[in-house]
Amino acid sequence: MRADLKERSWVGAMRDWLPFLAIGVAYAVLHELAEPLERAAHVQPQLGFDEWLFAGTAPTVRMQDALWHPGNPHWWDYLAWAVYLSHFVVPVAVAIGLWWTNLAEFRKFRTLVVAAAFAGFLTYVVYPAIPPWLAGARGNMPDSTRIVRAVWNHLGAPGIAAAFGENSDVAFPVGALPSLHAAAPFMVMLFFWKRAPRWRVALVAYTAAMAVTLVYTADHFVFDVLLGWAYATVVYCVATWWWRREGSVQASTRRPAR
């Protein structure tokens, strides 16, 4: 039996996937901290940056004024809803595919995802921030609709829609900066850029679609998205440097002495 197949035992699987479980546990802990953090949550500099970049009006407001019709979602609203929810599927699907096909690559991808997630969680505690929909509800900017929640309601699923509200039992409403929703597809793009060059157009398209979706649905400011990309880039660059360093060290130890 090949060594990598032996590592796919139950014990090996638990060891491989435990870091992903740690993300869920950490998020649950964050939820318990939401109330005290919410009182200190920030809307700047993200709102000011978006208004400065888009001539005085946040792009979420502009996009919803042009495209959103309350009580009557259009096909693009359902598309945005699907793109948003794909965040909970795509990284896991990529991880599962890598776990079955290449354990070494799976562990690299796992390292990137977990490191980016915990960097984001730490930022949420140090600098809690509110998204556009909550900023609008609090009067910091013109009102905007959290479209993902509105679509769930329109689909007749108010229980699921409630999970996307301010008083949700599962969500963490002040974890907007950086956007891990934006960081995840950007990280997937970085990871596969050289590994799967034929998929570059799709990788860029998905990353861009998620960014536009997050702004349109009032889940994130453009500033949040850009910072999410920055977090993903830093984590990827540091990890890549470390892997290359480890490879050089291992190569030097295998080199025969003269």
C-alpha atoms as a PDB file:
ATOM      1  CA  MET A   1       0.000   0.000   0.000  1.00  0.00           C
ATOM      2  CA  ARG A   2       1.301   3.463  -0.915  1.00  0.00           C
ATOM      3  CA  ALA A   3       2.384   5.662   1.974  1.00  0.00           C
ATOM      4  CA  ASP A   4      -0.118   8.400   1.140  1.00  0.00           C
ATOM      5  CA  LEU A   5      -2.970   5.890   1.196  1.00  0.00           C
ATOM      6  CA  LYS A   6      -1.888   4.666   4.620  1.00  0.00           C
ATOM      7  CA  GLU A   7      -2.084   8.267   5.845  1.00  0.00           C
ATOM      8  CA  ARG A   8      -5.764   8.328   4.888  1.00  0.00           C
ATOM      9  CA  SER A   9      -6.691   6.204   7.884  1.00  0.00           C
ATOM     10  CA  TRP A  10      -9.287   7.503  10.334  1.00  0.00           C
ATOM     11  CA  VAL A  11      -6.543   8.794  12.596  1.00  0.00           C
ATOM     12  CA  GLY A  12      -4.770  10.430   9.685  1.00  0.00           C
ATOM     13  CA  ALA A  13      -7.985  11.996   8.459  1.00  0.00           C
ATOM     14  CA  MET A  14      -8.734  13.431  11.885  1.00  0.00           C
ATOM     15  CA  ARG A  15      -5.245  14.863  12.089  1.00  0.00           C
ATOM     16  CA  ASP A  16      -5.505  16.364   8.613  1.00  0.00           C
ATOM     17  CA  TRP A  17      -8.910  17.974   9.136  1.00  0.00           C
ATOM     18  CA  LEU A  18      -8.574  19.055  12.757  1.00  0.00           C
ATOM     19  CA  PRO A  19      -7.231  22.525  11.826  1.00  0.00           C
ATOM     20  CA  PHE A  20     -10.385  23.165   9.788  1.00  0.00           C
ATOM     21  CA  LEU A  21     -12.463  22.172  12.797  1.00  0.00           C
ATOM     22  CA  ALA A  22     -10.438  24.664  14.819  1.00  0.00           C
ATOM     23  CA  ILE A  23     -11.695  27.420  12.501  1.00  0.00           C
ATOM     24  CA  GLY A  24     -15.278  26.551  13.396  1.00  0.00           C
ATOM     25  CA  VAL A  25     -14.516  26.433  17.111  1.00  0.00           C
ATOM     26  CA  ALA A  26     -12.743  29.797  16.957  1.00  0.00           C
ATOM     27  CA  TYR A  27     -15.687  31.324  15.097  1.00  0.00           C
ATOM     28  CA  ALA A  28     -18.058  30.032  17.778  1.00  0.00           C
ATOM     29  CA  VAL A  29     -15.893  31.705  20.410  1.00  0.00           C
ATOM     30  CA  LEU A  30     -16.002  34.945  18.414  1.00  0.00           C
ATOM     31  CA  HIS A  31     -19.791  34.763  18.386  1.00  0.00           C
ATOM     32  CA  GLU A  32     -19.782  34.703  22.174  1.00  0.00           C
ATOM     33  CA  LEU A  33     -17.665  37.870  22.147  1.00  0.00           C
ATOM     34  CA  ALA A  34     -19.920  39.648  19.655  1.00  0.00           C
ATOM     35  CA  GLU A  35     -21.915  41.715  22.151  1.00  0.00           C
ATOM     36  CA  PRO A  36     -18.998  43.507  23.868  1.00  0.00           C
ATOM     37  CA  LEU A  37     -17.121  43.870  20.576  1.00  0.00           C
ATOM     38  CA  GLU A  38     -20.196  45.294  18.855  1.00  0.00           C
ATOM     39  CA  ARG A  39     -20.212  48.289  21.176  1.00  0.00           C
ATOM     40  CA  ALA A  40     -16.711  49.223  20.014  1.00  0.00           C
ATOM     41  CA  ALA A  41     -17.182  48.318  16.342  1.00  0.00           C
ATOM     42  CA  HIS A  42     -15.805  50.720  13.722  1.00  0.00           C
ATOM     43  CA  VAL A  43     -17.205  52.007  10.453  1.00  0.00           C
ATOM     44  CA  GLN A  44     -14.070  53.958   9.572  1.00  0.00           C
ATOM     45  CA  PRO A  45     -11.798  54.000   7.660  1.00  0.00           C
ATOM     46  CA  GLN A  46     -13.689  51.614   5.387  1.00  0.00           C
ATOM     47  CA  LEU A  47     -16.714  53.860   4.800  1.00  0.00           C
ATOM     48  CA  GLY A  48     -14.591  56.954   4.250  1.00  0.00           C
ATOM     49  CA  PHE A  49     -12.337  55.088   1.824  1.00  0.00           C
ATOM     50  CA  ASP A  50     -15.280  53.850  -0.249  1.00  0.00           C
ATOM     51  CA  GLU A  51     -16.902  57.283  -0.350  1.00  0.00           C
ATOM     52  CA  TRP A  52     -13.593  58.901  -1.326  1.00  0.00           C
ATOM     53  CA  LEU A  53     -12.944  56.319  -4.050  1.00  0.00           C
ATOM     54  CA  PHE A  54     -16.460  56.568  -5.504  1.00  0.00           C
ATOM     55  CA  ALA A  55     -17.063  60.322  -5.517  1.00  0.00           C
ATOM     56  CA  GLY A  56     -18.818  60.678  -2.188  1.00  0.00           C
ATOM     57  CA  THR A  57     -21.247  57.742  -2.232  1.00  0.00           C
ATOM     58  CA  ALA A  58     -20.394  54.199  -1.167  1.00  0.00           C
ATOM     59  CA  PRO A  59     -20.660  51.786  -4.132  1.00  0.00           C
ATOM     60  CA  THR A  60     -23.054  49.567  -2.195  1.00  0.00           C
ATOM     61  CA  VAL A  61     -25.575  52.421  -2.193  1.00  0.00           C
ATOM     62  CA  ARG A  62     -25.037  53.195  -5.874  1.00  0.00           C
ATOM     63  CA  MET A  63     -25.375  49.562  -6.934  1.00  0.00           C
ATOM     64  CA  GLN A  64     -28.482  48.895  -4.886  1.00  0.00           C
ATOM     65  CA  ASP A  65     -30.138  52.109  -6.088  1.00  0.00           C
ATOM     66  CA  ALA A  66     -29.617  50.906  -9.652  1.00  0.00           C
ATOM     67  CA  LEU A  67     -30.227  47.177  -9.342  1.00  0.00           C
ATOM     68  CA  TRP A  68     -32.101  46.206  -6.180  1.00  0.00           C
ATOM     69  CA  HIS A  69     -35.915  46.153  -6.153  1.00  0.00           C
ATOM     70  CA  PRO A  70     -37.236  45.375  -2.644  1.00  0.00           C
ATOM     71  CA  GLY A  71     -39.652  42.464  -2.594  1.00  0.00           C
ATOM     72  CA  ASN A  72     -38.893  41.562  -6.203  1.00  0.00           C
ATOM     73  CA  PRO A  73     -35.473  39.917  -6.570  1.00  0.00           C
ATOM     74  CA  HIS A  74     -34.184  39.560 -10.125  1.00  0.00           C
ATOM     75  CA  TRP A  75     -31.953  36.882 -11.617  1.00  0.00           C
ATOM     76  CA  TRP A  76     -28.824  38.847 -10.730  1.00  0.00           C
ATOM     77  CA  ASP A  77     -29.897  38.905  -7.094  1.00  0.00           C
ATOM     78  CA  TYR A  78     -30.169  35.120  -7.078  1.00  0.00           C
ATOM     79  CA  LEU A  79     -26.796  34.929  -8.815  1.00  0.00           C
ATOM     80  CA  ALA A  80     -25.253  37.149  -6.138  1.00  0.00           C
ATOM     81  CA  TRP A  81     -26.917  34.991  -3.471  1.00  0.00           C
ATOM     82  CA  ALA A  82     -25.403  31.851  -5.027  1.00  0.00           C
ATOM     83  CA  VAL A  83     -21.938  33.376  -5.379  1.00  0.00           C
ATOM     84  CA  TYR A  84     -22.013  34.521  -1.753  1.00  0.00           C
ATOM     85  CA  LEU A  85     -23.032  31.071  -0.487  1.00  0.00           C
ATOM     86  CA  SER A  86     -20.373  29.380  -2.639  1.00  0.00           C
ATOM     87  CA  HIS A  87     -17.869  30.628  -0.052  1.00  0.00           C
ATOM     88  CA  PHE A  88     -19.059  27.837   2.239  1.00  0.00           C
ATOM     89  CA  VAL A  89     -18.579  25.198  -0.477  1.00  0.00           C
ATOM     90  CA  VAL A  90     -15.641  26.030  -2.740  1.00  0.00           C
ATOM     91  CA  PRO A  91     -12.744  26.054  -0.223  1.00  0.00           C
ATOM     92  CA  VAL A  92     -14.008  22.830   1.353  1.00  0.00           C
ATOM     93  CA  ALA A  93     -14.472  21.199  -2.056  1.00  0.00           C
ATOM     94  CA  VAL A  94     -10.945  22.213  -3.060  1.00  0.00           C
ATOM     95  CA  ALA A  95      -9.563  20.826   0.203  1.00  0.00           C
ATOM     96  CA  ILE A  96     -11.415  17.523  -0.215  1.00  0.00           C
ATOM     97  CA  GLY A  97     -10.195  17.182  -3.808  1.00  0.00           C
ATOM     98  CA  LEU A  98      -6.611  17.829  -2.775  1.00  0.00           C
ATOM     99  CA  TRP A  99      -6.873  15.470   0.189  1.00  0.00           C
ATOM    100  CA  TRP A 100      -7.893  12.628  -2.102  1.00  0.00           C
ATOM    101  CA  THR A 101      -5.372  13.366  -4.833  1.00  0.00           C
ATOM    102  CA  ASN A 102      -2.300  14.940  -3.237  1.00  0.00           C
ATOM    103  CA  LEU A 103      -1.820  15.044   0.527  1.00  0.00           C
ATOM    104  CA  ALA A 104       1.237  17.301   0.356  1.00  0.00           C
ATOM    105  CA  GLU A 105      -0.680  19.907  -1.638  1.00  0.00           C
ATOM    106  CA  PHE A 106      -3.692  19.521   0.648  1.00  0.00           C
ATOM    107  CA  ARG A 107      -1.563  20.342   3.670  1.00  0.00           C
ATOM    108  CA  LYS A 108      -0.141  23.409   1.984  1.00  0.00           C
ATOM    109  CA  PHE A 109      -3.616  24.608   1.073  1.00  0.00           C
ATOM    110  CA  ARG A 110      -4.818  23.870   4.601  1.00  0.00           C
ATOM    111  CA  THR A 111      -1.988  25.935   6.032  1.00  0.00           C
ATOM    112  CA  LEU A 112      -2.943  28.902   3.856  1.00  0.00           C
ATOM    113  CA  VAL A 113      -6.657  28.760   4.673  1.00  0.00           C
ATOM    114  CA  VAL A 114      -6.179  28.295   8.407  1.00  0.00           C
ATOM    115  CA  ALA A 115      -3.510  30.996   8.683  1.00  0.00           C
ATOM    116  CA  ALA A 116      -5.625  33.528   6.780  1.00  0.00           C
ATOM    117  CA  ALA A 117      -8.704  32.680   8.855  1.00  0.00           C
ATOM    118  CA  PHE A 118      -6.965  33.109  12.193  1.00  0.00           C
ATOM    119  CA  ALA A 119      -5.265  36.312  11.041  1.00  0.00           C
ATOM    120  CA  GLY A 120      -8.728  37.616  10.206  1.00  0.00           C
ATOM    121  CA  PHE A 121     -10.203  36.441  13.522  1.00  0.00           C
ATOM    122  CA  LEU A 122      -7.442  38.186  15.452  1.00  0.00           C
ATOM    123  CA  THR A 123      -8.174  41.393  13.562  1.00  0.00           C
ATOM    124  CA  TYR A 124     -11.884  41.082  14.378  1.00  0.00           C
ATOM    125  CA  VAL A 125     -11.039  41.099  18.073  1.00  0.00           C
ATOM    126  CA  VAL A 126      -8.498  43.921  17.872  1.00  0.00           C
ATOM    127  CA  TYR A 127     -10.495  46.051  15.424  1.00  0.00           C
ATOM    128  CA  PRO A 128     -14.155  44.968  15.162  1.00  0.00           C
ATOM    129  CA  ALA A 129     -15.883  46.545  12.179  1.00  0.00           C
ATOM    130  CA  ILE A 130     -19.418  46.690  10.815  1.00  0.00           C
ATOM    131  CA  PRO A 131     -20.547  45.910   7.251  1.00  0.00           C
ATOM    132  CA  PRO A 132     -22.523  48.306   5.006  1.00  0.00           C
ATOM    133  CA  TRP A 133     -25.931  46.834   5.863  1.00  0.00           C
ATOM    134  CA  LEU A 134     -25.331  47.387   9.566  1.00  0.00           C
ATOM    135  CA  ALA A 135     -23.773  50.808   8.975  1.00  0.00           C
ATOM    136  CA  GLY A 136     -26.939  51.792   7.115  1.00  0.00           C
ATOM    137  CA  ALA A 137     -29.182  50.460   9.875  1.00  0.00           C
ATOM    138  CA  ARG A 138     -27.257  52.541  12.409  1.00  0.00           C
ATOM    139  CA  GLY A 139     -27.424  55.717  10.359  1.00  0.00           C
ATOM    140  CA  ASN A 140     -23.744  55.927   9.424  1.00  0.00           C
ATOM    141  CA  MET A 141     -24.608  55.868   5.714  1.00  0.00           C
ATOM    142  CA  PRO A 142     -27.737  55.632   3.512  1.00  0.00           C
ATOM    143  CA  ASP A 143     -29.749  52.514   4.252  1.00  0.00           C
ATOM    144  CA  SER A 144     -28.870  49.366   2.319  1.00  0.00           C
ATOM    145  CA  THR A 145     -30.352  45.881   2.201  1.00  0.00           C
ATOM    146  CA  ARG A 146     -28.492  42.716   3.064  1.00  0.00           C
ATOM    147  CA  ILE A 147     -29.577  41.006  -0.123  1.00  0.00           C
ATOM    148  CA  VAL A 148     -28.570  37.490   0.899  1.00  0.00           C
ATOM    149  CA  ARG A 149     -30.991  37.689   3.826  1.00  0.00           C
ATOM    150  CA  ALA A 150     -33.699  39.248   1.643  1.00  0.00           C
ATOM    151  CA  VAL A 151     -33.419  36.458  -0.940  1.00  0.00           C
ATOM    152  CA  TRP A 152     -33.674  33.780   1.751  1.00  0.00           C
ATOM    153  CA  ASN A 153     -36.848  35.470   2.983  1.00  0.00           C
ATOM    154  CA  HIS A 154     -38.204  35.635  -0.557  1.00  0.00           C
ATOM    155  CA  LEU A 155     -37.508  31.914  -0.928  1.00  0.00           C
ATOM    156  CA  GLY A 156     -39.663  31.247   2.133  1.00  0.00           C
ATOM    157  CA  ALA A 157     -36.819  30.430   4.513  1.00  0.00           C
ATOM    158  CA  PRO A 158     -37.088  33.028   7.304  1.00  0.00           C
ATOM    159  CA  GLY A 159     -35.253  30.742   9.717  1.00  0.00           C
ATOM    160  CA  ILE A 160     -32.180  30.690   7.505  1.00  0.00           C
ATOM    161  CA  ALA A 161     -32.572  34.398   6.781  1.00  0.00           C
ATOM    162  CA  ALA A 162     -32.436  35.114  10.509  1.00  0.00           C
ATOM    163  CA  ALA A 163     -28.904  33.715  10.583  1.00  0.00           C
ATOM    164  CA  PHE A 164     -27.843  36.696   8.483  1.00  0.00           C
ATOM    165  CA  GLY A 165     -29.270  39.325  10.842  1.00  0.00           C
ATOM    166  CA  GLU A 166     -27.731  41.473  13.563  1.00  0.00           C
ATOM    167  CA  ASN A 167     -29.056  39.279  16.387  1.00  0.00           C
ATOM    168  CA  SER A 168     -28.157  35.981  14.763  1.00  0.00           C
ATOM    169  CA  ASP A 169     -27.440  32.910  16.862  1.00  0.00           C
ATOM    170  CA  VAL A 170     -24.585  31.892  14.552  1.00  0.00           C
ATOM    171  CA  ALA A 171     -23.240  34.944  12.710  1.00  0.00           C
ATOM    172  CA  PHE A 172     -20.613  37.401  13.884  1.00  0.00           C
ATOM    173  CA  PRO A 173     -21.874  40.785  12.626  1.00  0.00           C
ATOM    174  CA  VAL A 174     -18.778  42.837  13.461  1.00  0.00           C
ATOM    175  CA  GLY A 175     -16.241  40.657  11.636  1.00  0.00           C
ATOM    176  CA  ALA A 176     -16.169  42.645   8.416  1.00  0.00           C
ATOM    177  CA  LEU A 177     -12.553  43.783   8.279  1.00  0.00           C
ATOM    178  CA  PRO A 178     -10.845  42.047   6.518  1.00  0.00           C
ATOM    179  CA  SER A 179     -13.301  40.206   4.303  1.00  0.00           C
ATOM    180  CA  LEU A 180     -12.512  36.504   4.575  1.00  0.00           C
ATOM    181  CA  HIS A 181     -15.231  35.991   1.968  1.00  0.00           C
ATOM    182  CA  ALA A 182     -12.986  37.903  -0.436  1.00  0.00           C
ATOM    183  CA  ALA A 183      -9.752  36.393   0.863  1.00  0.00           C
ATOM    184  CA  ALA A 184     -10.817  32.775   0.217  1.00  0.00           C
ATOM    185  CA  PRO A 185     -11.258  32.910  -3.597  1.00  0.00           C
ATOM    186  CA  PHE A 186      -8.187  35.127  -3.875  1.00  0.00           C
ATOM    187  CA  MET A 187      -6.217  32.506  -1.964  1.00  0.00           C
ATOM    188  CA  VAL A 188      -7.557  29.757  -4.228  1.00  0.00           C
ATOM    189  CA  MET A 189      -6.480  31.844  -7.218  1.00  0.00           C
ATOM    190  CA  LEU A 190      -2.958  32.336  -5.827  1.00  0.00           C
ATOM    191  CA  PHE A 191      -2.623  28.656  -4.951  1.00  0.00           C
ATOM    192  CA  PHE A 192      -3.627  27.377  -8.398  1.00  0.00           C
ATOM    193  CA  TRP A 193      -2.136  30.164 -10.520  1.00  0.00           C
ATOM    194  CA  LYS A 194       0.955  28.141 -11.420  1.00  0.00           C
ATOM    195  CA  ARG A 195      -0.473  24.716 -10.595  1.00  0.00           C
ATOM    196  CA  ALA A 196      -3.416  25.000 -13.017  1.00  0.00           C
ATOM    197  CA  PRO A 197      -2.662  27.765 -15.554  1.00  0.00           C
ATOM    198  CA  ARG A 198      -5.488  26.698 -17.872  1.00  0.00           C
ATOM    199  CA  TRP A 199      -7.952  27.691 -15.122  1.00  0.00           C
ATOM    200  CA  ARG A 200      -6.619  31.222 -14.650  1.00  0.00           C
ATOM    201  CA  VAL A 201      -9.540  32.928 -16.389  1.00  0.00           C
ATOM    202  CA  ALA A 202     -12.034  31.043 -14.208  1.00  0.00           C
ATOM    203  CA  LEU A 203     -10.030  31.790 -11.060  1.00  0.00           C
ATOM    204  CA  VAL A 204      -9.936  35.520 -11.813  1.00  0.00           C
ATOM    205  CA  ALA A 205     -13.611  35.541 -12.791  1.00  0.00           C
ATOM    206  CA  TYR A 206     -14.671  33.861  -9.555  1.00  0.00           C
ATOM    207  CA  THR A 207     -12.529  36.168  -7.441  1.00  0.00           C
ATOM    208  CA  ALA A 208     -13.972  39.227  -9.185  1.00  0.00           C
ATOM    209  CA  ALA A 209     -17.528  37.887  -8.964  1.00  0.00           C
ATOM    210  CA  MET A 210     -17.187  37.386  -5.223  1.00  0.00           C
ATOM    211  CA  ALA A 211     -15.805  40.903  -4.760  1.00  0.00           C
ATOM    212  CA  VAL A 212     -18.659  42.524  -6.702  1.00  0.00           C
ATOM    213  CA  THR A 213     -21.183  40.330  -4.889  1.00  0.00           C
ATOM    214  CA  LEU A 214     -19.924  41.296  -1.441  1.00  0.00           C
ATOM    215  CA  VAL A 215     -20.208  45.003  -2.205  1.00  0.00           C
ATOM    216  CA  TYR A 216     -23.586  44.750  -3.932  1.00  0.00           C
ATOM    217  CA  THR A 217     -25.153  42.607  -1.212  1.00  0.00           C
ATOM    218  CA  ALA A 218     -23.994  45.107   1.478  1.00  0.00           C
ATOM    219  CA  ASP A 219     -21.873  42.481   3.199  1.00  0.00           C
ATOM    220  CA  HIS A 220     -18.571  44.326   2.775  1.00  0.00           C
ATOM    221  CA  PHE A 221     -17.058  47.616   1.797  1.00  0.00           C
ATOM    222  CA  VAL A 222     -14.542  47.722  -1.034  1.00  0.00           C
ATOM    223  CA  PHE A 223     -11.949  48.495   1.661  1.00  0.00           C
ATOM    224  CA  ASP A 224     -12.786  45.182   3.384  1.00  0.00           C
ATOM    225  CA  VAL A 225     -12.365  43.292   0.115  1.00  0.00           C
ATOM    226  CA  LEU A 226      -9.000  44.870  -0.662  1.00  0.00           C
ATOM    227  CA  LEU A 227      -7.762  44.140   2.849  1.00  0.00           C
ATOM    228  CA  GLY A 228      -8.935  40.533   2.500  1.00  0.00           C
ATOM    229  CA  TRP A 229      -6.885  40.240  -0.687  1.00  0.00           C
ATOM    230  CA  ALA A 230      -3.917  41.775   1.116  1.00  0.00           C
ATOM    231  CA  TYR A 231      -4.174  39.273   3.988  1.00  0.00           C
ATOM    232  CA  ALA A 232      -4.327  36.386   1.505  1.00  0.00           C
ATOM    233  CA  THR A 233      -1.305  37.725  -0.369  1.00  0.00           C
ATOM    234  CA  VAL A 234       0.809  38.142   2.756  1.00  0.00           C
ATOM    235  CA  VAL A 235      -0.068  34.682   4.057  1.00  0.00           C
ATOM    236  CA  TYR A 236       0.645  33.113   0.664  1.00  0.00           C
ATOM    237  CA  CYS A 237       3.992  34.898   0.243  1.00  0.00           C
ATOM    238  CA  VAL A 238       5.187  34.050   3.749  1.00  0.00           C
ATOM    239  CA  ALA A 239       4.125  30.399   3.407  1.00  0.00           C
ATOM    240  CA  THR A 240       5.716  30.078  -0.036  1.00  0.00           C
ATOM    241  CA  TRP A 241       8.975  31.536   1.277  1.00  0.00           C
ATOM    242  CA  TRP A 242       8.922  29.081   4.155  1.00  0.00           C
ATOM    243  CA  TRP A 243       8.257  26.070   1.905  1.00  0.00           C
ATOM    244  CA  ARG A 244      11.085  27.073  -0.415  1.00  0.00           C
ATOM    245  CA  ARG A 245      13.415  27.495   2.560  1.00  0.00           C
ATOM    246  CA  GLU A 246      12.449  24.062   3.881  1.00  0.00           C
ATOM    247  CA  GLY A 247      13.009  22.570   0.438  1.00  0.00           C
ATOM    248  CA  SER A 248      16.462  24.125   0.223  1.00  0.00           C
ATOM    249  CA  VAL A 249      17.392  22.830   3.666  1.00  0.00           C
ATOM    250  CA  GLN A 250      16.176  19.312   2.849  1.00  0.00           C
ATOM    251  CA  ALA A 251      18.034  19.352  -0.466  1.00  0.00           C
ATOM    252  CA  SER A 252      21.252  20.397   1.225  1.00  0.00           C
ATOM    253  CA  THR A 253      20.980  17.592   3.810  1.00  0.00           C
ATOM    254  CA  ARG A 254      20.514  15.016   1.048  1.00  0.00           C
ATOM    255  CA  ARG A 255      23.482  16.294  -0.937  1.00  0.00           C
ATOM    256  CA  PRO A 256      26.378  13.761  -0.680  1.00  0.00           C
ATOM    257  CA  ALA A 257      29.501  14.966   1.086  1.00  0.00           C
ATOM    258  CA  ARG A 258      32.622  15.366  -1.018  1.00  0.00           C
END
